[in-house]
Amino acid sequence: MDFLSDHSPEMLPGKRVLPPVQGHVEAPHGTTIVAATFPGGVVLAGDRRATMGNMIAQRDIEKVFPADEYSAVGIAGTAGLAVEMVKLFQLELEHFEKVEGATLSLEGKANRLSTMIRGNLGMAMQGLAVVPLFAGYDVDREKGRIFSYDVTGGRSEEHGFAATGSGSIFARGSMKKLYRDDLTEQETTTLVIQALYDAADDDSATGGPDMARRIFPIVTVITEDGFRRLTEAESSELARSILERRLEQPDGPRASLL
């Protein structure tokens, strides 16, 4: 990224010159990303819908990507710029590891992503914002951690759970009532899919599990063993079990009052 900034800054995602346009620019947007920690790791998940205005641009977009062996990024915002930023971020981490002979700390990765988002501020001011969610396993602290960002690159560490994107307010409300510190990995994966289901229930830009097309949320787990993405069979089984319970309780599981 530093090399491009010095020699070909126009090649960076946030530095490209846009053609003159009038009015609002419509581009595919990714929507809802959720994350939650559990003892021994963190789960990062995203729905599969991309929207363009009031239209569904894509039903099966992938929004969660491994950054390296122990971290992952979930994208919300302008899909094209976000995917390009993630690829550049992956290359940055790989380059650092080759040059230094060691992986960058999780804190360092979060800071580097913050710098890249800040570099996209010009595009964000024109309506092409990228707001990712970064999660990973901290090998030094031996626990999962979550970082959220704003369009200016401001970074905040989230504790327990977090969400970003258009359906984040509904997903966060869902996790707020169901999250506990002692959840198992299996329970945490169920939690994030419940949150995405609740987000899809109230936010038209968020896609829920599509049984007819066999399109299910992407769910990833990061532990001391590294990054792992749930298989389609695992995701579909979780989604089907939640859907069956929702037929009995459409609003989802109830949290106790006291």
C-alpha atoms as a PDB file:
ATOM      1  CA  MET A   1       0.000   0.000   0.000  1.00  0.00           C
ATOM      2  CA  ASP A   2       2.862   2.394   0.810  1.00  0.00           C
ATOM      3  CA  PHE A   3       4.571   1.511  -2.488  1.00  0.00           C
ATOM      4  CA  LEU A   4       1.410   2.263  -4.477  1.00  0.00           C
ATOM      5  CA  SER A   5       0.887   5.501  -2.534  1.00  0.00           C
ATOM      6  CA  ASP A   6       4.339   6.688  -3.632  1.00  0.00           C
ATOM      7  CA  HIS A   7       4.373   5.488  -7.235  1.00  0.00           C
ATOM      8  CA  SER A   8       0.802   4.907  -8.478  1.00  0.00           C
ATOM      9  CA  PRO A   9      -1.685   6.342  -5.981  1.00  0.00           C
ATOM     10  CA  GLU A  10      -4.469   6.244  -8.576  1.00  0.00           C
ATOM     11  CA  MET A  11      -4.450   2.424  -8.294  1.00  0.00           C
ATOM     12  CA  LEU A  12      -5.542   2.458  -4.646  1.00  0.00           C
ATOM     13  CA  PRO A  13      -9.291   1.872  -4.088  1.00  0.00           C
ATOM     14  CA  GLY A  14      -9.850   5.222  -2.372  1.00  0.00           C
ATOM     15  CA  LYS A  15      -7.680   7.324  -4.708  1.00  0.00           C
ATOM     16  CA  ARG A  16      -9.273   6.629  -8.052  1.00  0.00           C
ATOM     17  CA  VAL A  17     -10.708   9.580  -9.959  1.00  0.00           C
ATOM     18  CA  LEU A  18     -14.426   9.153 -10.509  1.00  0.00           C
ATOM     19  CA  PRO A  19     -16.062  10.418 -13.702  1.00  0.00           C
ATOM     20  CA  PRO A  20     -18.284  13.476 -13.241  1.00  0.00           C
ATOM     21  CA  VAL A  21     -21.824  12.422 -12.385  1.00  0.00           C
ATOM     22  CA  GLN A  22     -25.014  14.143 -11.370  1.00  0.00           C
ATOM     23  CA  GLY A  23     -27.199  12.824  -8.591  1.00  0.00           C
ATOM     24  CA  HIS A  24     -26.727   9.771  -6.407  1.00  0.00           C
ATOM     25  CA  VAL A  25     -24.576   6.887  -7.688  1.00  0.00           C
ATOM     26  CA  GLU A  26     -26.219   3.472  -7.308  1.00  0.00           C
ATOM     27  CA  ALA A  27     -23.810   0.609  -6.600  1.00  0.00           C
ATOM     28  CA  PRO A  28     -24.287  -2.834  -5.043  1.00  0.00           C
ATOM     29  CA  HIS A  29     -24.060  -2.695  -1.249  1.00  0.00           C
ATOM     30  CA  GLY A  30     -23.382  -5.477   1.209  1.00  0.00           C
ATOM     31  CA  THR A  31     -25.569  -5.324   4.265  1.00  0.00           C
ATOM     32  CA  THR A  32     -25.357  -7.134   7.616  1.00  0.00           C
ATOM     33  CA  ILE A  33     -22.301  -8.621   9.365  1.00  0.00           C
ATOM     34  CA  VAL A  34     -22.329  -9.989  12.928  1.00  0.00           C
ATOM     35  CA  ALA A  35     -19.670 -11.319  15.300  1.00  0.00           C
ATOM     36  CA  ALA A  36     -19.623 -12.822  18.787  1.00  0.00           C
ATOM     37  CA  THR A  37     -16.886 -14.147  21.050  1.00  0.00           C
ATOM     38  CA  PHE A  38     -16.882 -17.317  23.108  1.00  0.00           C
ATOM     39  CA  PRO A  39     -14.278 -18.845  25.449  1.00  0.00           C
ATOM     40  CA  GLY A  40     -11.521 -19.888  23.072  1.00  0.00           C
ATOM     41  CA  GLY A  41     -12.403 -17.913  19.958  1.00  0.00           C
ATOM     42  CA  VAL A  42     -14.749 -15.761  17.923  1.00  0.00           C
ATOM     43  CA  VAL A  43     -17.466 -16.300  15.295  1.00  0.00           C
ATOM     44  CA  LEU A  44     -17.911 -13.943  12.329  1.00  0.00           C
ATOM     45  CA  ALA A  45     -20.899 -14.307   9.999  1.00  0.00           C
ATOM     46  CA  GLY A  46     -22.737 -12.464   7.250  1.00  0.00           C
ATOM     47  CA  ASP A  47     -25.883 -12.719   5.192  1.00  0.00           C
ATOM     48  CA  ARG A  48     -25.710 -13.247   1.420  1.00  0.00           C
ATOM     49  CA  ARG A  49     -27.744 -10.356  -0.042  1.00  0.00           C
ATOM     50  CA  ALA A  50     -26.415  -7.316  -1.891  1.00  0.00           C
ATOM     51  CA  THR A  51     -28.778  -4.474  -2.722  1.00  0.00           C
ATOM     52  CA  MET A  52     -28.743  -1.581  -5.185  1.00  0.00           C
ATOM     53  CA  GLY A  53     -31.275   0.992  -4.114  1.00  0.00           C
ATOM     54  CA  ASN A  54     -34.530  -0.854  -3.550  1.00  0.00           C
ATOM     55  CA  MET A  55     -33.478  -3.751  -5.784  1.00  0.00           C
ATOM     56  CA  ILE A  56     -31.742  -7.017  -4.893  1.00  0.00           C
ATOM     57  CA  ALA A  57     -28.458  -6.885  -6.826  1.00  0.00           C
ATOM     58  CA  GLN A  58     -27.195 -10.338  -5.806  1.00  0.00           C
ATOM     59  CA  ARG A  59     -28.600 -13.106  -3.625  1.00  0.00           C
ATOM     60  CA  ASP A  60     -25.450 -15.112  -2.930  1.00  0.00           C
ATOM     61  CA  ILE A  61     -22.647 -12.583  -2.454  1.00  0.00           C
ATOM     62  CA  GLU A  62     -19.844 -13.561  -0.076  1.00  0.00           C
ATOM     63  CA  LYS A  63     -19.081 -10.934   2.564  1.00  0.00           C
ATOM     64  CA  VAL A  64     -16.808 -12.764   5.010  1.00  0.00           C
ATOM     65  CA  PHE A  65     -13.185 -13.401   4.041  1.00  0.00           C
ATOM     66  CA  PRO A  66     -10.125 -14.757   5.869  1.00  0.00           C
ATOM     67  CA  ALA A  67      -7.513 -12.045   6.358  1.00  0.00           C
ATOM     68  CA  ASP A  68      -4.883 -14.568   7.411  1.00  0.00           C
ATOM     69  CA  GLU A  69      -4.694 -17.748   9.487  1.00  0.00           C
ATOM     70  CA  TYR A  70      -6.054 -16.125  12.674  1.00  0.00           C
ATOM     71  CA  SER A  71      -8.326 -13.299  11.504  1.00  0.00           C
ATOM     72  CA  ALA A  72     -11.191 -12.489   9.157  1.00  0.00           C
ATOM     73  CA  VAL A  73     -13.021  -9.483   7.720  1.00  0.00           C
ATOM     74  CA  GLY A  74     -16.743  -9.058   7.122  1.00  0.00           C
ATOM     75  CA  ILE A  75     -17.669  -6.318   4.659  1.00  0.00           C
ATOM     76  CA  ALA A  76     -20.588  -3.897   4.672  1.00  0.00           C
ATOM     77  CA  GLY A  77     -20.989  -0.950   2.337  1.00  0.00           C
ATOM     78  CA  THR A  78     -20.044  -0.596  -1.331  1.00  0.00           C
ATOM     79  CA  ALA A  79     -19.371  -4.183  -2.361  1.00  0.00           C
ATOM     80  CA  GLY A  80     -16.847  -3.623  -5.154  1.00  0.00           C
ATOM     81  CA  LEU A  81     -14.602  -1.297  -3.150  1.00  0.00           C
ATOM     82  CA  ALA A  82     -14.928  -3.489  -0.052  1.00  0.00           C
ATOM     83  CA  VAL A  83     -13.816  -6.672  -1.819  1.00  0.00           C
ATOM     84  CA  GLU A  84     -10.876  -4.837  -3.392  1.00  0.00           C
ATOM     85  CA  MET A  85      -9.885  -3.443   0.007  1.00  0.00           C
ATOM     86  CA  VAL A  86      -9.996  -6.909   1.581  1.00  0.00           C
ATOM     87  CA  LYS A  87      -7.764  -8.355  -1.154  1.00  0.00           C
ATOM     88  CA  LEU A  88      -5.245  -5.559  -0.612  1.00  0.00           C
ATOM     89  CA  PHE A  89      -5.424  -6.140   3.159  1.00  0.00           C
ATOM     90  CA  GLN A  90      -4.758  -9.871   2.686  1.00  0.00           C
ATOM     91  CA  LEU A  91      -1.746  -9.030   0.508  1.00  0.00           C
ATOM     92  CA  GLU A  92      -0.439  -6.551   3.094  1.00  0.00           C
ATOM     93  CA  LEU A  93      -0.515  -9.176   5.859  1.00  0.00           C
ATOM     94  CA  GLU A  94       1.121 -11.793   3.640  1.00  0.00           C
ATOM     95  CA  HIS A  95       3.822  -9.318   2.591  1.00  0.00           C
ATOM     96  CA  PHE A  96       4.540  -8.365   6.221  1.00  0.00           C
ATOM     97  CA  GLU A  97       4.890 -12.030   7.201  1.00  0.00           C
ATOM     98  CA  LYS A  98       7.326 -12.713   4.347  1.00  0.00           C
ATOM     99  CA  VAL A  99       9.458  -9.647   5.067  1.00  0.00           C
ATOM    100  CA  GLU A 100       9.516  -9.849   8.867  1.00  0.00           C
ATOM    101  CA  GLY A 101       9.343 -13.627   9.248  1.00  0.00           C
ATOM    102  CA  ALA A 102       6.519 -13.286  11.781  1.00  0.00           C
ATOM    103  CA  THR A 103       2.822 -12.484  11.706  1.00  0.00           C
ATOM    104  CA  LEU A 104       1.550  -9.042  12.632  1.00  0.00           C
ATOM    105  CA  SER A 105      -0.184  -8.856  16.011  1.00  0.00           C
ATOM    106  CA  LEU A 106      -4.000  -8.726  16.002  1.00  0.00           C
ATOM    107  CA  GLU A 107      -3.803  -5.160  17.284  1.00  0.00           C
ATOM    108  CA  GLY A 108      -1.464  -4.284  14.417  1.00  0.00           C
ATOM    109  CA  LYS A 109      -3.804  -5.866  11.859  1.00  0.00           C
ATOM    110  CA  ALA A 110      -6.731  -3.859  13.226  1.00  0.00           C
ATOM    111  CA  ASN A 111      -4.693  -0.645  13.021  1.00  0.00           C
ATOM    112  CA  ARG A 112      -3.605  -1.389   9.464  1.00  0.00           C
ATOM    113  CA  LEU A 113      -7.191  -1.937   8.346  1.00  0.00           C
ATOM    114  CA  SER A 114      -8.106   1.360  10.009  1.00  0.00           C
ATOM    115  CA  THR A 115      -5.501   3.146   7.881  1.00  0.00           C
ATOM    116  CA  MET A 116      -6.889   1.582   4.708  1.00  0.00           C
ATOM    117  CA  ILE A 117     -10.457   2.636   5.540  1.00  0.00           C
ATOM    118  CA  ARG A 118      -9.268   6.190   6.209  1.00  0.00           C
ATOM    119  CA  GLY A 119      -7.668   6.176   2.764  1.00  0.00           C
ATOM    120  CA  ASN A 120     -11.132   5.569   1.292  1.00  0.00           C
ATOM    121  CA  LEU A 121     -12.616   8.671   2.953  1.00  0.00           C
ATOM    122  CA  GLY A 122     -12.838  10.563  -0.348  1.00  0.00           C
ATOM    123  CA  MET A 123     -14.990   7.832  -1.837  1.00  0.00           C
ATOM    124  CA  ALA A 124     -17.054   7.607   1.368  1.00  0.00           C
ATOM    125  CA  MET A 125     -17.885  11.319   1.129  1.00  0.00           C
ATOM    126  CA  GLN A 126     -19.333  10.584  -2.324  1.00  0.00           C
ATOM    127  CA  GLY A 127     -21.553   7.825  -0.965  1.00  0.00           C
ATOM    128  CA  LEU A 128     -19.226   4.873  -1.623  1.00  0.00           C
ATOM    129  CA  ALA A 129     -18.409   3.950   1.968  1.00  0.00           C
ATOM    130  CA  VAL A 130     -16.845   0.732   3.253  1.00  0.00           C
ATOM    131  CA  VAL A 131     -17.509  -0.215   6.892  1.00  0.00           C
ATOM    132  CA  PRO A 132     -16.068  -3.648   7.747  1.00  0.00           C
ATOM    133  CA  LEU A 133     -16.075  -5.738  10.906  1.00  0.00           C
ATOM    134  CA  PHE A 134     -12.737  -7.313  11.840  1.00  0.00           C
ATOM    135  CA  ALA A 135     -12.414 -10.326  14.126  1.00  0.00           C
ATOM    136  CA  GLY A 136      -9.641 -12.695  15.065  1.00  0.00           C
ATOM    137  CA  TYR A 137      -7.981 -14.874  17.645  1.00  0.00           C
ATOM    138  CA  ASP A 138      -5.305 -13.057  19.654  1.00  0.00           C
ATOM    139  CA  VAL A 139      -2.555 -15.633  20.166  1.00  0.00           C
ATOM    140  CA  ASP A 140      -0.886 -13.429  22.800  1.00  0.00           C
ATOM    141  CA  ARG A 141      -4.003 -12.937  24.940  1.00  0.00           C
ATOM    142  CA  GLU A 142      -5.424 -16.350  23.974  1.00  0.00           C
ATOM    143  CA  LYS A 143      -8.936 -15.102  23.234  1.00  0.00           C
ATOM    144  CA  GLY A 144     -11.148 -13.898  20.407  1.00  0.00           C
ATOM    145  CA  ARG A 145     -11.475 -10.158  19.764  1.00  0.00           C
ATOM    146  CA  ILE A 146     -13.742  -7.970  17.606  1.00  0.00           C
ATOM    147  CA  PHE A 147     -13.058  -4.530  16.090  1.00  0.00           C
ATOM    148  CA  SER A 148     -15.605  -2.215  14.467  1.00  0.00           C
ATOM    149  CA  TYR A 149     -14.939   0.862  12.326  1.00  0.00           C
ATOM    150  CA  ASP A 150     -16.583   4.040  11.091  1.00  0.00           C
ATOM    151  CA  VAL A 151     -16.190   5.588   7.631  1.00  0.00           C
ATOM    152  CA  THR A 152     -13.264   7.757   8.778  1.00  0.00           C
ATOM    153  CA  GLY A 153     -11.261   4.714   9.917  1.00  0.00           C
ATOM    154  CA  GLY A 154     -12.039   5.200  13.599  1.00  0.00           C
ATOM    155  CA  ARG A 155     -11.507   1.886  15.365  1.00  0.00           C
ATOM    156  CA  SER A 156     -13.331   0.540  18.420  1.00  0.00           C
ATOM    157  CA  GLU A 157     -12.891  -2.787  20.137  1.00  0.00           C
ATOM    158  CA  GLU A 158     -16.215  -4.476  20.834  1.00  0.00           C
ATOM    159  CA  HIS A 159     -16.735  -6.771  23.798  1.00  0.00           C
ATOM    160  CA  GLY A 160     -18.916  -9.844  23.509  1.00  0.00           C
ATOM    161  CA  PHE A 161     -20.671  -9.150  20.224  1.00  0.00           C
ATOM    162  CA  ALA A 162     -20.955  -6.600  17.431  1.00  0.00           C
ATOM    163  CA  ALA A 163     -22.776  -5.912  14.171  1.00  0.00           C
ATOM    164  CA  THR A 164     -22.428  -3.579  11.208  1.00  0.00           C
ATOM    165  CA  GLY A 165     -24.481  -2.807   8.120  1.00  0.00           C
ATOM    166  CA  SER A 166     -28.078  -1.827   7.467  1.00  0.00           C
ATOM    167  CA  GLY A 167     -29.562  -4.570   9.644  1.00  0.00           C
ATOM    168  CA  SER A 168     -27.037  -4.140  12.454  1.00  0.00           C
ATOM    169  CA  ILE A 169     -29.458  -2.399  14.843  1.00  0.00           C
ATOM    170  CA  PHE A 170     -31.803  -5.406  14.732  1.00  0.00           C
ATOM    171  CA  ALA A 171     -28.991  -7.972  14.875  1.00  0.00           C
ATOM    172  CA  ARG A 172     -27.381  -6.207  17.814  1.00  0.00           C
ATOM    173  CA  GLY A 173     -30.707  -6.076  19.670  1.00  0.00           C
ATOM    174  CA  SER A 174     -31.163  -9.800  19.104  1.00  0.00           C
ATOM    175  CA  MET A 175     -27.685 -10.690  20.396  1.00  0.00           C
ATOM    176  CA  LYS A 176     -28.020  -8.312  23.326  1.00  0.00           C
ATOM    177  CA  LYS A 177     -30.824 -10.456  24.758  1.00  0.00           C
ATOM    178  CA  LEU A 178     -29.334 -13.861  23.948  1.00  0.00           C
ATOM    179  CA  TYR A 179     -25.572 -13.477  24.415  1.00  0.00           C
ATOM    180  CA  ARG A 180     -23.759 -14.939  27.430  1.00  0.00           C
ATOM    181  CA  ASP A 181     -20.053 -15.109  28.255  1.00  0.00           C
ATOM    182  CA  ASP A 182     -20.122 -18.894  28.674  1.00  0.00           C
ATOM    183  CA  LEU A 183     -21.603 -19.854  25.290  1.00  0.00           C
ATOM    184  CA  THR A 184     -20.007 -22.794  23.504  1.00  0.00           C
ATOM    185  CA  GLU A 185     -18.797 -22.612  19.915  1.00  0.00           C
ATOM    186  CA  GLN A 186     -21.945 -24.396  18.730  1.00  0.00           C
ATOM    187  CA  GLU A 187     -24.209 -22.055  20.717  1.00  0.00           C
ATOM    188  CA  THR A 188     -22.364 -18.998  19.380  1.00  0.00           C
ATOM    189  CA  THR A 189     -22.813 -20.069  15.755  1.00  0.00           C
ATOM    190  CA  THR A 190     -26.515 -20.551  16.500  1.00  0.00           C
ATOM    191  CA  LEU A 191     -26.610 -17.088  18.099  1.00  0.00           C
ATOM    192  CA  VAL A 192     -25.198 -15.287  15.050  1.00  0.00           C
ATOM    193  CA  ILE A 193     -27.617 -17.018  12.671  1.00  0.00           C
ATOM    194  CA  GLN A 194     -30.514 -16.109  14.990  1.00  0.00           C
ATOM    195  CA  ALA A 195     -29.286 -12.494  14.878  1.00  0.00           C
ATOM    196  CA  LEU A 196     -29.097 -12.518  11.067  1.00  0.00           C
ATOM    197  CA  TYR A 197     -32.594 -14.024  10.917  1.00  0.00           C
ATOM    198  CA  ASP A 198     -33.927 -11.223  13.156  1.00  0.00           C
ATOM    199  CA  ALA A 199     -32.135  -8.620  11.017  1.00  0.00           C
ATOM    200  CA  ALA A 200     -33.673 -10.060   7.838  1.00  0.00           C
ATOM    201  CA  ASP A 201     -37.073 -10.040   9.531  1.00  0.00           C
ATOM    202  CA  ASP A 202     -36.997  -6.243   9.953  1.00  0.00           C
ATOM    203  CA  ASP A 203     -34.503  -5.017   7.332  1.00  0.00           C
ATOM    204  CA  SER A 204     -35.365  -5.554   3.652  1.00  0.00           C
ATOM    205  CA  ALA A 205     -31.702  -5.229   2.621  1.00  0.00           C
ATOM    206  CA  THR A 206     -30.669  -8.231   4.727  1.00  0.00           C
ATOM    207  CA  GLY A 207     -31.257 -11.694   3.310  1.00  0.00           C
ATOM    208  CA  GLY A 208     -32.355 -14.562   5.512  1.00  0.00           C
ATOM    209  CA  PRO A 209     -31.733 -18.263   4.827  1.00  0.00           C
ATOM    210  CA  ASP A 210     -33.106 -19.135   1.375  1.00  0.00           C
ATOM    211  CA  MET A 211     -34.233 -22.752   1.532  1.00  0.00           C
ATOM    212  CA  ALA A 212     -35.504 -22.876  -2.060  1.00  0.00           C
ATOM    213  CA  ARG A 213     -32.170 -21.757  -3.547  1.00  0.00           C
ATOM    214  CA  ARG A 214     -30.059 -23.358  -0.794  1.00  0.00           C
ATOM    215  CA  ILE A 215     -28.410 -20.042   0.077  1.00  0.00           C
ATOM    216  CA  PHE A 216     -27.350 -19.838   3.714  1.00  0.00           C
ATOM    217  CA  PRO A 217     -25.349 -17.324   5.792  1.00  0.00           C
ATOM    218  CA  ILE A 218     -21.569 -17.607   5.719  1.00  0.00           C
ATOM    219  CA  VAL A 219     -20.378 -18.525   9.205  1.00  0.00           C
ATOM    220  CA  THR A 220     -16.689 -18.624  10.163  1.00  0.00           C
ATOM    221  CA  VAL A 221     -15.015 -19.674  13.400  1.00  0.00           C
ATOM    222  CA  ILE A 222     -11.537 -18.520  14.487  1.00  0.00           C
ATOM    223  CA  THR A 223      -9.781 -20.292  17.372  1.00  0.00           C
ATOM    224  CA  GLU A 224      -6.244 -21.231  18.358  1.00  0.00           C
ATOM    225  CA  ASP A 225      -6.442 -23.809  15.562  1.00  0.00           C
ATOM    226  CA  GLY A 226      -6.952 -21.019  13.015  1.00  0.00           C
ATOM    227  CA  PHE A 227      -9.675 -19.898  10.625  1.00  0.00           C
ATOM    228  CA  ARG A 228     -12.457 -22.305   9.684  1.00  0.00           C
ATOM    229  CA  ARG A 229     -15.520 -21.729   7.545  1.00  0.00           C
ATOM    230  CA  LEU A 230     -18.578 -23.847   8.254  1.00  0.00           C
ATOM    231  CA  THR A 231     -19.450 -26.134   5.368  1.00  0.00           C
ATOM    232  CA  GLU A 232     -22.711 -25.679   3.490  1.00  0.00           C
ATOM    233  CA  ALA A 233     -24.032 -28.819   5.208  1.00  0.00           C
ATOM    234  CA  GLU A 234     -23.261 -27.369   8.659  1.00  0.00           C
ATOM    235  CA  SER A 235     -24.752 -23.956   7.825  1.00  0.00           C
ATOM    236  CA  SER A 236     -27.864 -25.471   6.280  1.00  0.00           C
ATOM    237  CA  GLU A 237     -28.428 -27.746   9.262  1.00  0.00           C
ATOM    238  CA  LEU A 238     -28.241 -24.788  11.662  1.00  0.00           C
ATOM    239  CA  ALA A 239     -30.497 -22.663   9.450  1.00  0.00           C
ATOM    240  CA  ARG A 240     -33.079 -25.449   9.109  1.00  0.00           C
ATOM    241  CA  SER A 241     -33.210 -26.093  12.856  1.00  0.00           C
ATOM    242  CA  ILE A 242     -33.723 -22.357  13.515  1.00  0.00           C
ATOM    243  CA  LEU A 243     -36.397 -22.128  10.821  1.00  0.00           C
ATOM    244  CA  GLU A 244     -38.293 -25.082  12.321  1.00  0.00           C
ATOM    245  CA  ARG A 245     -38.326 -23.394  15.735  1.00  0.00           C
ATOM    246  CA  ARG A 246     -39.392 -20.110  14.129  1.00  0.00           C
ATOM    247  CA  LEU A 247     -42.474 -21.832  12.745  1.00  0.00           C
ATOM    248  CA  GLU A 248     -43.521 -22.259  16.381  1.00  0.00           C
ATOM    249  CA  GLN A 249     -42.082 -18.950  17.640  1.00  0.00           C
ATOM    250  CA  PRO A 250     -41.895 -16.468  14.731  1.00  0.00           C
ATOM    251  CA  ASP A 251     -40.181 -13.819  16.853  1.00  0.00           C
ATOM    252  CA  GLY A 252     -37.442 -16.192  17.978  1.00  0.00           C
ATOM    253  CA  PRO A 253     -36.303 -17.429  21.411  1.00  0.00           C
ATOM    254  CA  ARG A 254     -37.383 -15.501  24.491  1.00  0.00           C
ATOM    255  CA  ALA A 255     -34.923 -14.078  27.019  1.00  0.00           C
ATOM    256  CA  SER A 256     -35.834 -14.315  30.699  1.00  0.00           C
ATOM    257  CA  LEU A 257     -37.089 -11.138  32.395  1.00  0.00           C
ATOM    258  CA  LEU A 258     -34.844 -11.549  35.456  1.00  0.00           C
END
